[in-house]
Amino acid sequence: MSLNSIALLQTLLQRAESERDTAALALRQAEGLVAQAEQQGQALHTYRGEYDQRWTAHFRTAGTPELLHCHRGFGQRLDQAIAHHQVNTQHLGNRVQQARSLLLAREQRVAAVRKLIERRQAELQAIANRRDQRSTDEAAQRAASAQRGQHPLAAAAR
């Protein structure tokens, strides 16, 4: 384990963050498409209601069977368009759910890589602390030996 492994993990973290950001953008775009589709669907419903009101009033004054047939045919096509639009909106909603799931997975990956980096840094810090402690202990031992007038090599030679 070294600083090089930390650098590799940092690169992995950058890539994971980039993938997460891309997934977040895809989610925002999918949500925008759903919002737009819902507005269009609402506009279709509104138009359908207005169309029925207009023609109902018109038929009260002067309605012919041919005109009624045209009205019903167009109304059916409007209903088909509304149903088709609802199916498309549901598909877009499914894409939003998939994008949300992907974003969650990407966020979890970023969190996991960050946690791994923290652990590795803590391990490196612990190794450095042990090394410093060992060095300090050895220096204190040499100082204590020198203070007693004994050099560790001289004491070993006796």
N, C-alpha and C. Protein backbone atom coordinates (compact mmCIF):
# COMPACT_ATOMS: atom_id res chain seq x y z
N MET A 1 0.85 -1.16 0.00
CA MET A 1 0.00 0.00 0.00
C MET A 1 0.90 1.23 0.00
N SER A 2 0.61 2.15 -0.90
CA SER A 2 1.45 3.33 -1.01
C SER A 2 0.61 4.51 -1.46
N LEU A 3 1.31 5.63 -1.57
CA LEU A 3 0.64 6.83 -2.08
C LEU A 3 0.20 6.62 -3.52
N ASN A 4 0.92 5.75 -4.24
CA ASN A 4 0.55 5.46 -5.61
C ASN A 4 -0.83 4.79 -5.67
N SER A 5 -1.11 3.90 -4.70
CA SER A 5 -2.43 3.26 -4.68
C SER A 5 -3.51 4.29 -4.35
N ILE A 6 -3.19 5.25 -3.52
CA ILE A 6 -4.14 6.33 -3.20
C ILE A 6 -4.41 7.15 -4.47
N ALA A 7 -3.35 7.43 -5.23
CA ALA A 7 -3.51 8.19 -6.47
C ALA A 7 -4.39 7.43 -7.45
N LEU A 8 -4.22 6.11 -7.52
CA LEU A 8 -5.07 5.31 -8.39
C LEU A 8 -6.53 5.34 -7.93
N LEU A 9 -6.71 5.29 -6.62
CA LEU A 9 -8.07 5.37 -6.09
C LEU A 9 -8.69 6.74 -6.34
N GLN A 10 -7.87 7.79 -6.28
CA GLN A 10 -8.37 9.14 -6.59
C GLN A 10 -8.84 9.20 -8.04
N THR A 11 -8.08 8.57 -8.94
CA THR A 11 -8.48 8.52 -10.35
C THR A 11 -9.79 7.76 -10.49
N LEU A 12 -9.91 6.64 -9.77
CA LEU A 12 -11.15 5.87 -9.79
C LEU A 12 -12.31 6.71 -9.24
N LEU A 13 -12.06 7.48 -8.21
CA LEU A 13 -13.08 8.34 -7.63
C LEU A 13 -13.53 9.40 -8.64
N GLN A 14 -12.58 10.00 -9.34
CA GLN A 14 -12.93 11.01 -10.35
C GLN A 14 -13.82 10.40 -11.43
N ARG A 15 -13.48 9.20 -11.85
CA ARG A 15 -14.28 8.53 -12.88
C ARG A 15 -15.68 8.21 -12.35
N ALA A 16 -15.74 7.72 -11.12
CA ALA A 16 -17.04 7.40 -10.52
C ALA A 16 -17.89 8.66 -10.36
N GLU A 17 -17.26 9.76 -9.97
CA GLU A 17 -18.00 11.02 -9.83
C GLU A 17 -18.49 11.51 -11.20
N SER A 18 -17.67 11.32 -12.21
CA SER A 18 -18.07 11.71 -13.56
C SER A 18 -19.27 10.88 -14.03
N GLU A 19 -19.23 9.58 -13.77
CA GLU A 19 -20.35 8.71 -14.14
C GLU A 19 -21.60 9.09 -13.35
N ARG A 20 -21.43 9.43 -12.09
CA ARG A 20 -22.56 9.86 -11.27
C ARG A 20 -23.16 11.16 -11.81
N ASP A 21 -22.30 12.10 -12.18
CA ASP A 21 -22.77 13.37 -12.72
C ASP A 21 -23.51 13.16 -14.04
N THR A 22 -23.01 12.25 -14.86
CA THR A 22 -23.69 11.92 -16.12
C THR A 22 -25.06 11.31 -15.84
N ALA A 23 -25.12 10.43 -14.85
CA ALA A 23 -26.40 9.81 -14.48
C ALA A 23 -27.37 10.85 -13.93
N ALA A 24 -26.87 11.80 -13.16
CA ALA A 24 -27.72 12.87 -12.62
C ALA A 24 -28.28 13.73 -13.74
N LEU A 25 -27.45 14.02 -14.72
CA LEU A 25 -27.90 14.80 -15.88
C LEU A 25 -28.97 14.04 -16.65
N ALA A 26 -28.75 12.75 -16.85
CA ALA A 26 -29.73 11.92 -17.57
C ALA A 26 -31.06 11.89 -16.80
N LEU A 27 -31.00 11.83 -15.48
CA LEU A 27 -32.22 11.84 -14.68
C LEU A 27 -32.95 13.17 -14.84
N ARG A 28 -32.23 14.28 -14.76
CA ARG A 28 -32.87 15.59 -14.92
C ARG A 28 -33.52 15.71 -16.30
N GLN A 29 -32.84 15.22 -17.32
CA GLN A 29 -33.40 15.28 -18.67
C GLN A 29 -34.66 14.42 -18.78
N ALA A 30 -34.61 13.22 -18.21
CA ALA A 30 -35.77 12.33 -18.26
C ALA A 30 -36.94 12.95 -17.49
N GLU A 31 -36.66 13.56 -16.34
CA GLU A 31 -37.73 14.22 -15.58
C GLU A 31 -38.31 15.39 -16.37
N GLY A 32 -37.46 16.10 -17.08
CA GLY A 32 -37.94 17.20 -17.93
C GLY A 32 -38.85 16.70 -19.04
N LEU A 33 -38.48 15.57 -19.64
CA LEU A 33 -39.32 14.99 -20.69
C LEU A 33 -40.67 14.55 -20.14
N VAL A 34 -40.67 13.98 -18.93
CA VAL A 34 -41.94 13.57 -18.33
C VAL A 34 -42.80 14.79 -18.03
N ALA A 35 -42.20 15.83 -17.49
CA ALA A 35 -42.96 17.05 -17.20
C ALA A 35 -43.56 17.63 -18.48
N GLN A 36 -42.77 17.65 -19.52
CA GLN A 36 -43.24 18.16 -20.81
C GLN A 36 -44.38 17.28 -21.34
N ALA A 37 -44.22 15.98 -21.25
CA ALA A 37 -45.26 15.06 -21.73
C ALA A 37 -46.55 15.22 -20.91
N GLU A 38 -46.40 15.42 -19.61
CA GLU A 38 -47.59 15.61 -18.78
C GLU A 38 -48.31 16.90 -19.15
N GLN A 39 -47.55 17.95 -19.45
CA GLN A 39 -48.16 19.20 -19.89
C GLN A 39 -48.89 19.02 -21.21
N GLN A 40 -48.26 18.30 -22.13
CA GLN A 40 -48.89 18.03 -23.41
C GLN A 40 -50.16 17.20 -23.23
N GLY A 41 -50.10 16.22 -22.35
CA GLY A 41 -51.28 15.39 -22.07
C GLY A 41 -52.41 16.23 -21.49
N GLN A 42 -52.05 17.11 -20.58
CA GLN A 42 -53.07 18.00 -20.00
C GLN A 42 -53.67 18.90 -21.08
N ALA A 43 -52.83 19.39 -21.98
CA ALA A 43 -53.32 20.22 -23.08
C ALA A 43 -54.27 19.43 -23.98
N LEU A 44 -53.95 18.17 -24.24
CA LEU A 44 -54.84 17.34 -25.05
C LEU A 44 -56.19 17.14 -24.36
N HIS A 45 -56.16 16.87 -23.06
CA HIS A 45 -57.40 16.70 -22.31
C HIS A 45 -58.23 17.98 -22.34
N THR A 46 -57.56 19.09 -22.14
CA THR A 46 -58.25 20.38 -22.17
C THR A 46 -58.88 20.62 -23.54
N TYR A 47 -58.11 20.37 -24.58
CA TYR A 47 -58.62 20.56 -25.94
C TYR A 47 -59.81 19.64 -26.19
N ARG A 48 -59.74 18.41 -25.72
CA ARG A 48 -60.84 17.46 -25.91
C ARG A 48 -62.10 17.99 -25.25
N GLY A 49 -61.97 18.50 -24.05
CA GLY A 49 -63.14 19.06 -23.34
C GLY A 49 -63.71 20.28 -24.06
N GLU A 50 -62.82 21.17 -24.49
CA GLU A 50 -63.27 22.36 -25.21
C GLU A 50 -63.94 21.98 -26.53
N TYR A 51 -63.38 21.00 -27.21
CA TYR A 51 -63.93 20.54 -28.49
C TYR A 51 -65.36 20.03 -28.29
N ASP A 52 -65.56 19.21 -27.25
CA ASP A 52 -66.89 18.68 -26.97
C ASP A 52 -67.87 19.80 -26.64
N GLN A 53 -67.43 20.77 -25.84
CA GLN A 53 -68.32 21.88 -25.47
C GLN A 53 -68.72 22.70 -26.70
N ARG A 54 -67.76 23.01 -27.55
CA ARG A 54 -68.03 23.79 -28.76
C ARG A 54 -69.04 23.10 -29.65
N TRP A 55 -68.79 21.83 -29.89
CA TRP A 55 -69.65 21.12 -30.82
C TRP A 55 -70.99 20.77 -30.21
N THR A 56 -71.06 20.58 -28.94
CA THR A 56 -72.36 20.34 -28.29
C THR A 56 -73.25 21.56 -28.47
N ALA A 57 -72.67 22.72 -28.25
CA ALA A 57 -73.43 23.96 -28.45
C ALA A 57 -73.82 24.12 -29.92
N HIS A 58 -72.94 23.79 -30.82
CA HIS A 58 -73.21 23.91 -32.26
C HIS A 58 -74.32 22.96 -32.70
N PHE A 59 -74.31 21.72 -32.15
CA PHE A 59 -75.31 20.74 -32.54
C PHE A 59 -76.71 21.13 -32.04
N ARG A 60 -76.78 21.90 -30.99
CA ARG A 60 -78.09 22.32 -30.48
C ARG A 60 -78.80 23.23 -31.49
N THR A 61 -77.98 24.02 -32.20
CA THR A 61 -78.58 24.98 -33.14
C THR A 61 -78.73 24.39 -34.53
N ALA A 62 -77.71 23.76 -35.06
CA ALA A 62 -77.80 23.24 -36.43
C ALA A 62 -76.90 22.03 -36.58
N GLY A 63 -77.41 20.88 -36.30
CA GLY A 63 -76.59 19.68 -36.41
C GLY A 63 -77.16 18.74 -37.45
N THR A 64 -76.30 18.23 -38.28
CA THR A 64 -76.70 17.25 -39.28
C THR A 64 -76.06 15.92 -38.94
N PRO A 65 -76.63 14.83 -39.43
CA PRO A 65 -76.04 13.52 -39.15
C PRO A 65 -74.60 13.41 -39.67
N GLU A 66 -74.32 14.00 -40.81
CA GLU A 66 -72.96 13.93 -41.36
C GLU A 66 -71.97 14.68 -40.47
N LEU A 67 -72.43 15.84 -40.00
CA LEU A 67 -71.57 16.63 -39.11
C LEU A 67 -71.35 15.89 -37.79
N LEU A 68 -72.37 15.27 -37.27
CA LEU A 68 -72.25 14.49 -36.04
C LEU A 68 -71.27 13.33 -36.24
N HIS A 69 -71.35 12.68 -37.40
CA HIS A 69 -70.43 11.58 -37.70
C HIS A 69 -68.97 12.08 -37.74
N CYS A 70 -68.74 13.23 -38.38
CA CYS A 70 -67.38 13.82 -38.42
C CYS A 70 -66.90 14.16 -37.01
N HIS A 71 -67.81 14.73 -36.22
CA HIS A 71 -67.45 15.10 -34.84
C HIS A 71 -67.03 13.86 -34.05
N ARG A 72 -67.81 12.81 -34.15
CA ARG A 72 -67.49 11.59 -33.41
C ARG A 72 -66.18 10.98 -33.89
N GLY A 73 -65.97 10.97 -35.21
CA GLY A 73 -64.72 10.42 -35.76
C GLY A 73 -63.51 11.18 -35.26
N PHE A 74 -63.60 12.51 -35.28
CA PHE A 74 -62.47 13.31 -34.79
C PHE A 74 -62.28 13.12 -33.29
N GLY A 75 -63.41 13.01 -32.57
CA GLY A 75 -63.32 12.77 -31.13
C GLY A 75 -62.64 11.45 -30.82
N GLN A 76 -62.94 10.43 -31.61
CA GLN A 76 -62.29 9.13 -31.41
C GLN A 76 -60.80 9.22 -31.70
N ARG A 77 -60.44 9.95 -32.74
CA ARG A 77 -59.00 10.12 -33.04
C ARG A 77 -58.31 10.89 -31.92
N LEU A 78 -59.00 11.87 -31.37
CA LEU A 78 -58.44 12.60 -30.22
C LEU A 78 -58.24 11.65 -29.03
N ASP A 79 -59.24 10.81 -28.78
CA ASP A 79 -59.14 9.84 -27.68
C ASP A 79 -57.97 8.88 -27.91
N GLN A 80 -57.79 8.44 -29.15
CA GLN A 80 -56.66 7.56 -29.48
C GLN A 80 -55.33 8.28 -29.25
N ALA A 81 -55.28 9.55 -29.66
CA ALA A 81 -54.05 10.32 -29.45
C ALA A 81 -53.76 10.50 -27.96
N ILE A 82 -54.80 10.73 -27.19
CA ILE A 82 -54.62 10.88 -25.73
C ILE A 82 -54.13 9.56 -25.13
N ALA A 83 -54.73 8.45 -25.54
CA ALA A 83 -54.32 7.13 -25.02
C ALA A 83 -52.87 6.84 -25.41
N HIS A 84 -52.53 7.11 -26.66
CA HIS A 84 -51.16 6.89 -27.13
C HIS A 84 -50.18 7.77 -26.35
N HIS A 85 -50.59 8.99 -26.12
CA HIS A 85 -49.73 9.90 -25.36
C HIS A 85 -49.54 9.42 -23.92
N GLN A 86 -50.59 8.87 -23.33
CA GLN A 86 -50.48 8.34 -21.96
C GLN A 86 -49.50 7.17 -21.90
N VAL A 87 -49.55 6.31 -22.91
CA VAL A 87 -48.60 5.19 -22.96
C VAL A 87 -47.17 5.72 -23.07
N ASN A 88 -46.98 6.71 -23.94
CA ASN A 88 -45.63 7.30 -24.08
C ASN A 88 -45.18 7.94 -22.78
N THR A 89 -46.10 8.61 -22.09
CA THR A 89 -45.75 9.24 -20.81
C THR A 89 -45.37 8.18 -19.78
N GLN A 90 -46.06 7.04 -19.80
CA GLN A 90 -45.71 5.95 -18.88
C GLN A 90 -44.31 5.41 -19.19
N HIS A 91 -44.00 5.28 -20.47
CA HIS A 91 -42.66 4.82 -20.86
C HIS A 91 -41.60 5.82 -20.38
N LEU A 92 -41.90 7.10 -20.53
CA LEU A 92 -40.96 8.11 -20.04
C LEU A 92 -40.82 8.03 -18.52
N GLY A 93 -41.92 7.75 -17.83
CA GLY A 93 -41.87 7.57 -16.37
C GLY A 93 -41.00 6.38 -15.99
N ASN A 94 -41.08 5.31 -16.78
CA ASN A 94 -40.23 4.15 -16.53
C ASN A 94 -38.76 4.51 -16.72
N ARG A 95 -38.48 5.33 -17.74
CA ARG A 95 -37.10 5.77 -17.96
C ARG A 95 -36.61 6.61 -16.79
N VAL A 96 -37.49 7.40 -16.20
CA VAL A 96 -37.11 8.19 -15.02
C VAL A 96 -36.74 7.25 -13.88
N GLN A 97 -37.52 6.21 -13.66
CA GLN A 97 -37.23 5.26 -12.59
C GLN A 97 -35.89 4.55 -12.84
N GLN A 98 -35.64 4.18 -14.08
CA GLN A 98 -34.36 3.54 -14.40
C GLN A 98 -33.21 4.51 -14.18
N ALA A 99 -33.41 5.75 -14.58
CA ALA A 99 -32.35 6.76 -14.39
C ALA A 99 -32.11 7.01 -12.90
N ARG A 100 -33.19 6.99 -12.11
CA ARG A 100 -33.05 7.17 -10.66
C ARG A 100 -32.27 6.01 -10.05
N SER A 101 -32.58 4.80 -10.49
CA SER A 101 -31.87 3.62 -9.98
C SER A 101 -30.39 3.67 -10.35
N LEU A 102 -30.12 4.06 -11.58
CA LEU A 102 -28.73 4.16 -12.02
C LEU A 102 -27.99 5.23 -11.22
N LEU A 103 -28.64 6.37 -11.00
CA LEU A 103 -28.01 7.43 -10.21
C LEU A 103 -27.72 6.95 -8.80
N LEU A 104 -28.65 6.23 -8.20
CA LEU A 104 -28.43 5.71 -6.85
C LEU A 104 -27.23 4.76 -6.82
N ALA A 105 -27.14 3.90 -7.82
CA ALA A 105 -26.00 2.97 -7.89
C ALA A 105 -24.69 3.73 -8.05
N ARG A 106 -24.70 4.76 -8.88
CA ARG A 106 -23.49 5.57 -9.09
C ARG A 106 -23.10 6.31 -7.81
N GLU A 107 -24.10 6.82 -7.09
CA GLU A 107 -23.81 7.52 -5.83
C GLU A 107 -23.24 6.55 -4.79
N GLN A 108 -23.76 5.34 -4.78
CA GLN A 108 -23.24 4.33 -3.85
C GLN A 108 -21.80 3.97 -4.19
N ARG A 109 -21.50 3.91 -5.48
CA ARG A 109 -20.13 3.60 -5.90
C ARG A 109 -19.18 4.72 -5.48
N VAL A 110 -19.59 5.97 -5.68
CA VAL A 110 -18.76 7.10 -5.25
C VAL A 110 -18.52 7.03 -3.75
N ALA A 111 -19.56 6.75 -2.99
CA ALA A 111 -19.42 6.66 -1.53
C ALA A 111 -18.48 5.52 -1.14
N ALA A 112 -18.57 4.40 -1.84
CA ALA A 112 -17.71 3.25 -1.53
C ALA A 112 -16.25 3.57 -1.83
N VAL A 113 -16.00 4.22 -2.95
CA VAL A 113 -14.61 4.57 -3.30
C VAL A 113 -14.06 5.58 -2.30
N ARG A 114 -14.88 6.56 -1.91
CA ARG A 114 -14.43 7.54 -0.91
C ARG A 114 -14.09 6.84 0.41
N LYS A 115 -14.94 5.91 0.81
CA LYS A 115 -14.69 5.18 2.06
C LYS A 115 -13.39 4.38 1.96
N LEU A 116 -13.16 3.77 0.81
CA LEU A 116 -11.93 3.00 0.60
C LEU A 116 -10.72 3.92 0.68
N ILE A 117 -10.81 5.09 0.08
CA ILE A 117 -9.70 6.05 0.14
C ILE A 117 -9.45 6.45 1.58
N GLU A 118 -10.52 6.72 2.33
CA GLU A 118 -10.36 7.08 3.74
C GLU A 118 -9.66 5.98 4.52
N ARG A 119 -10.06 4.74 4.28
CA ARG A 119 -9.44 3.61 4.98
C ARG A 119 -7.96 3.49 4.62
N ARG A 120 -7.67 3.60 3.33
CA ARG A 120 -6.26 3.50 2.91
C ARG A 120 -5.44 4.63 3.51
N GLN A 121 -5.99 5.84 3.52
CA GLN A 121 -5.26 6.96 4.11
C GLN A 121 -5.06 6.75 5.61
N ALA A 122 -6.06 6.21 6.27
CA ALA A 122 -5.93 5.93 7.71
C ALA A 122 -4.87 4.86 7.94
N GLU A 123 -4.83 3.83 7.08
CA GLU A 123 -3.81 2.79 7.21
C GLU A 123 -2.41 3.37 7.00
N LEU A 124 -2.27 4.20 5.98
CA LEU A 124 -0.97 4.84 5.73
C LEU A 124 -0.57 5.72 6.90
N GLN A 125 -1.54 6.44 7.46
CA GLN A 125 -1.26 7.30 8.61
C GLN A 125 -0.84 6.46 9.81
N ALA A 126 -1.50 5.32 10.02
CA ALA A 126 -1.15 4.44 11.13
C ALA A 126 0.26 3.88 10.95
N ILE A 127 0.61 3.51 9.72
CA ILE A 127 1.97 3.01 9.45
C ILE A 127 2.99 4.11 9.73
N ALA A 128 2.70 5.32 9.28
CA ALA A 128 3.61 6.44 9.51
C ALA A 128 3.73 6.73 11.01
N ASN A 129 2.62 6.66 11.73
CA ASN A 129 2.66 6.90 13.17
C ASN A 129 3.50 5.84 13.89
N ARG A 130 3.35 4.57 13.48
CA ARG A 130 4.16 3.50 14.10
C ARG A 130 5.64 3.72 13.80
N ARG A 131 5.93 4.10 12.55
CA ARG A 131 7.32 4.36 12.17
C ARG A 131 7.90 5.52 13.00
N ASP A 132 7.12 6.58 13.14
CA ASP A 132 7.57 7.72 13.95
C ASP A 132 7.76 7.32 15.41
N GLN A 133 6.83 6.52 15.92
CA GLN A 133 6.94 6.08 17.31
C GLN A 133 8.18 5.22 17.51
N ARG A 134 8.44 4.30 16.57
CA ARG A 134 9.62 3.46 16.64
C ARG A 134 10.89 4.32 16.62
N SER A 135 10.89 5.29 15.73
CA SER A 135 12.05 6.17 15.63
C SER A 135 12.24 6.97 16.92
N THR A 136 11.15 7.45 17.47
CA THR A 136 11.21 8.21 18.73
C THR A 136 11.68 7.32 19.87
N ASP A 137 11.17 6.10 19.92
CA ASP A 137 11.59 5.16 20.96
C ASP A 137 13.07 4.85 20.86
N GLU A 138 13.56 4.62 19.64
CA GLU A 138 14.99 4.34 19.45
C GLU A 138 15.84 5.53 19.85
N ALA A 139 15.40 6.73 19.49
CA ALA A 139 16.15 7.94 19.86
C ALA A 139 16.17 8.12 21.38
N ALA A 140 15.05 7.84 22.02
CA ALA A 140 14.99 7.96 23.48
C ALA A 140 15.88 6.91 24.14
N GLN A 141 15.91 5.73 23.56
CA GLN A 141 16.76 4.66 24.11
C GLN A 141 18.23 5.04 23.96
N ARG A 142 18.62 5.60 22.82
CA ARG A 142 20.02 6.03 22.63
C ARG A 142 20.36 7.16 23.58
N ALA A 143 19.45 8.08 23.77
CA ALA A 143 19.70 9.20 24.67
C ALA A 143 19.85 8.72 26.10
N ALA A 144 19.02 7.76 26.50
CA ALA A 144 19.11 7.23 27.86
C ALA A 144 20.42 6.48 28.05
N SER A 145 20.84 5.74 27.04
CA SER A 145 22.11 5.02 27.13
C SER A 145 23.28 5.98 27.19
N ALA A 146 23.22 7.03 26.40
CA ALA A 146 24.31 8.02 26.39
C ALA A 146 24.34 8.76 27.72
N GLN A 147 23.20 8.98 28.29
CA GLN A 147 23.14 9.71 29.56
C GLN A 147 23.72 8.86 30.69
N ARG A 148 23.60 7.57 30.60
CA ARG A 148 24.18 6.69 31.61
C ARG A 148 25.65 6.46 31.34
N GLY A 149 26.09 7.00 30.24
CA GLY A 149 27.50 6.86 29.91
C GLY A 149 27.81 5.60 29.16
N GLN A 150 26.87 4.95 28.76
CA GLN A 150 27.08 3.72 28.03
C GLN A 150 26.66 3.92 26.60
N HIS A 151 27.49 3.52 25.79
CA HIS A 151 27.17 3.51 24.36
C HIS A 151 26.65 2.12 24.07
N PRO A 152 25.57 1.95 23.36
CA PRO A 152 25.01 0.63 23.16
C PRO A 152 26.00 -0.36 22.55
N LEU A 153 26.89 0.10 21.68
CA LEU A 153 27.86 -0.81 21.08
C LEU A 153 28.96 -1.15 22.08
N ALA A 154 29.30 -0.16 22.93
CA ALA A 154 30.34 -0.41 23.91
C ALA A 154 29.84 -1.39 24.98
N ALA A 155 28.59 -1.25 25.34
CA ALA A 155 28.04 -2.17 26.35
C ALA A 155 27.95 -3.59 25.78
N ALA A 156 27.71 -3.71 24.53
CA ALA A 156 27.61 -5.02 23.91
C ALA A 156 28.99 -5.67 23.80
N ALA A 157 30.08 -4.86 23.72
CA ALA A 157 31.42 -5.38 23.56
C ALA A 157 31.96 -5.90 24.87
N ARG A 158 31.47 -5.48 25.99
CA ARG A 158 31.98 -5.90 27.30
C ARG A 158 31.69 -7.28 27.67
